[in-house]
Protein backbone atom coordinates (compact mmCIF):
# COMPACT_ATOMS: atom_id res chain seq x y z
CA SER A 1 -0.83 -26.47 23.93
CA GLN A 2 -0.87 -26.06 20.01
CA THR A 3 1.32 -23.55 18.17
CA VAL A 4 -0.68 -21.30 15.65
CA PRO A 5 0.73 -21.36 12.27
CA LEU A 6 1.81 -17.91 11.00
CA ALA A 7 1.63 -18.66 7.27
CA LEU A 8 -2.09 -18.30 6.36
CA ASP A 9 -3.94 -18.60 2.83
CA ASP A 10 -5.58 -15.28 1.98
CA SER A 11 -8.86 -17.15 0.97
CA GLU A 12 -9.04 -18.26 4.54
CA ILE A 13 -9.72 -14.78 5.67
CA SER A 14 -10.72 -12.74 2.47
CA ASP A 15 -14.19 -14.16 2.68
CA GLN A 16 -14.88 -12.79 6.15
CA PRO A 17 -17.01 -9.80 6.20
CA ARG A 18 -15.32 -6.35 6.80
CA ALA A 19 -16.03 -4.93 10.15
CA ASP A 20 -17.32 -1.65 8.79
CA GLY A 21 -19.17 -3.06 5.99
CA THR A 22 -17.28 -1.21 3.23
CA ALA A 23 -16.68 -2.74 -0.32
CA HIS A 24 -13.65 -3.80 -1.75
CA ASP A 25 -13.39 -0.67 -3.92
CA VAL A 26 -13.18 1.91 -1.28
CA PRO A 27 -9.86 4.09 -1.81
CA LEU A 28 -6.73 2.85 0.11
CA VAL A 29 -4.83 4.58 2.44
CA ALA A 30 -1.69 4.39 0.51
CA SER A 31 -2.89 5.60 -3.00
CA GLY A 32 -0.86 4.40 -5.98
CA PHE A 33 -0.30 0.77 -4.33
CA GLY A 34 -2.28 -2.36 -4.13
CA PRO A 35 -4.13 -3.60 -1.09
CA THR A 36 -2.21 -5.53 1.51
CA LYS A 37 -3.38 -9.23 1.54
CA ASP A 38 -5.46 -10.16 4.53
CA ALA A 39 -3.16 -13.01 5.50
CA THR A 40 -0.18 -10.73 5.47
CA LYS A 41 -2.26 -8.40 8.02
CA MET A 42 -3.01 -11.47 10.09
CA LEU A 43 0.88 -12.51 10.10
CA SER A 44 1.63 -9.06 11.03
CA LEU A 45 -0.84 -9.01 14.03
CA MET A 46 0.10 -12.46 15.30
CA MET A 47 3.85 -11.40 15.21
CA MET A 48 2.97 -8.37 17.18
CA VAL A 49 0.69 -10.19 19.77
CA GLN A 50 3.27 -12.81 20.45
CA HIS A 51 5.65 -10.16 21.96
CA TRP A 52 2.92 -9.12 24.46
CA ASN A 53 2.24 -10.42 28.02
CA PHE A 54 -1.15 -10.08 28.46
CA GLN A 55 -3.84 -11.47 30.69
CA MET A 56 -5.03 -15.06 30.58
CA PRO A 57 -8.60 -15.13 32.07
CA ARG A 58 -9.19 -18.30 34.21
CA SER A 59 -12.31 -18.87 31.99
CA GLY A 60 -10.23 -18.28 28.84
CA CYS A 61 -9.82 -21.58 26.62
CA CYS A 62 -6.56 -20.65 24.99
CA ALA A 63 -3.98 -17.99 24.64
CA LEU A 64 -4.83 -17.36 21.00
CA HIS A 65 -8.52 -16.41 22.14
CA ALA A 66 -7.21 -14.28 25.15
CA ALA A 67 -4.95 -12.36 22.46
CA GLY A 68 -7.82 -11.73 20.43
CA LYS A 69 -9.66 -10.15 23.32
CA GLU A 70 -6.76 -7.99 23.99
CA VAL A 71 -6.73 -6.89 20.46
CA GLU A 72 -10.32 -6.10 20.54
CA ARG A 73 -10.01 -4.01 23.72
CA LEU A 74 -7.16 -2.14 22.37
CA THR A 75 -8.90 -1.57 18.97
CA LEU A 76 -11.97 -0.04 20.72
CA TYR A 77 -9.63 2.10 22.54
CA LEU A 78 -8.03 3.17 19.22
CA ARG A 79 -11.36 3.75 17.40
CA GLN A 80 -12.43 6.21 20.34
CA GLN A 81 -9.34 8.53 19.97
CA PRO A 82 -9.67 11.71 18.25
CA CYS A 83 -8.65 11.97 14.55
CA LYS A 84 -4.87 12.44 13.92
CA ALA A 85 -2.39 11.88 11.36
CA PHE A 86 -1.40 8.43 10.88
CA VAL A 87 1.43 7.74 8.49
CA VAL A 88 1.54 4.48 6.40
CA PRO A 89 5.20 3.88 4.99
CA THR A 90 4.84 4.51 1.17
CA GLY A 91 8.52 3.82 0.03
CA TRP A 92 7.56 0.66 -1.54
CA GLN A 93 5.36 -2.32 -1.35
CA CYS A 94 6.68 -5.92 -1.10
CA HIS A 95 5.54 -8.15 -4.11
CA ALA A 96 5.42 -11.27 -2.03
CA CYS A 97 3.41 -10.34 0.95
CA GLY A 98 1.71 -6.80 0.11
CA SER A 99 3.27 -5.10 3.06
CA MET A 100 4.09 -1.46 2.88
CA ASN A 101 7.78 -0.33 3.62
CA ASP A 102 9.97 2.66 3.95
CA ILE A 103 13.08 2.91 1.81
CA GLU A 104 16.00 2.51 4.52
CA ILE A 105 18.61 4.67 2.95
CA ASP A 106 18.46 7.11 -0.03
CA ARG A 107 20.90 5.03 -2.56
CA GLY A 108 20.15 7.02 -5.90
CA THR A 109 17.74 5.62 -8.59
CA SER A 110 17.12 2.01 -7.10
CA SER A 111 18.15 -0.36 -4.62
CA MET A 112 17.66 -3.97 -3.14
CA GLU A 113 15.36 -3.65 -0.30
CA CYS A 114 14.35 -6.24 2.45
CA CYS A 115 10.73 -6.41 3.47
CA ASP A 116 10.08 -5.47 7.12
CA LEU A 117 7.56 -8.26 7.51
CA CYS A 118 8.58 -11.24 5.28
CA PHE A 119 12.14 -10.47 4.93
CA LYS A 120 12.08 -11.18 1.01
CA THR A 121 14.17 -8.85 -1.14
CA GLN A 122 13.43 -7.03 -4.37
CA LEU A 123 14.82 -4.19 -6.53
CA VAL A 124 12.84 -1.13 -5.76
CA GLU A 125 13.06 1.97 -8.13
CA HIS A 126 13.33 5.38 -6.43
CA PRO A 127 11.54 7.98 -8.56
CA THR A 128 13.32 11.56 -8.12
CA THR A 129 9.75 12.88 -7.53
CA SER A 130 9.11 10.50 -4.41
CA PRO A 131 8.69 12.32 -1.11
CA LEU A 132 11.39 10.22 0.08
CA ALA A 133 13.97 11.12 -2.33
CA GLY A 134 16.91 12.44 -0.49
CA ARG A 135 15.71 11.47 2.97
CA PHE A 136 17.66 8.96 5.16
CA GLY A 137 16.27 6.62 7.72
CA ARG A 138 12.75 5.34 8.97
CA ARG A 139 9.75 7.67 9.71
CA LYS A 140 9.17 8.37 13.52
CA VAL A 141 6.15 6.53 14.72
CA GLU A 142 3.95 8.68 16.93
CA PRO A 143 2.77 7.00 20.15
CA LEU A 144 -1.05 6.87 20.33
CA VAL A 145 -1.24 7.81 24.04
């Protein structure tokens, strides 16, 4: 049994074709921020899947590929759902990994924040015009089902 490395080089993934055929210049969900690195997306996906107890087919070669099949199954379900609001945190973007994060607590004009994914800290400026100004806590995540 081999352990899957969680640290990936973005160049390993970025040359893979996008599933929907879109170009890299398509608008982002969170405007005003850069795109999240593919390696970061893969890291967060792997971290999530490692918390699942999914079926391991008898004909399967390994847990990694069984996890991939489970992700495909759930992705198909997700894509078949009717359109609805999907909130991406827009408090700040981690300079190290590119993941999007909420501001944990309104602490005035700036604060040291810790990335939810890679746990690196950075100084985050809080513009007074931000939709998060004066708000406390995390956004509530709506269940898909």
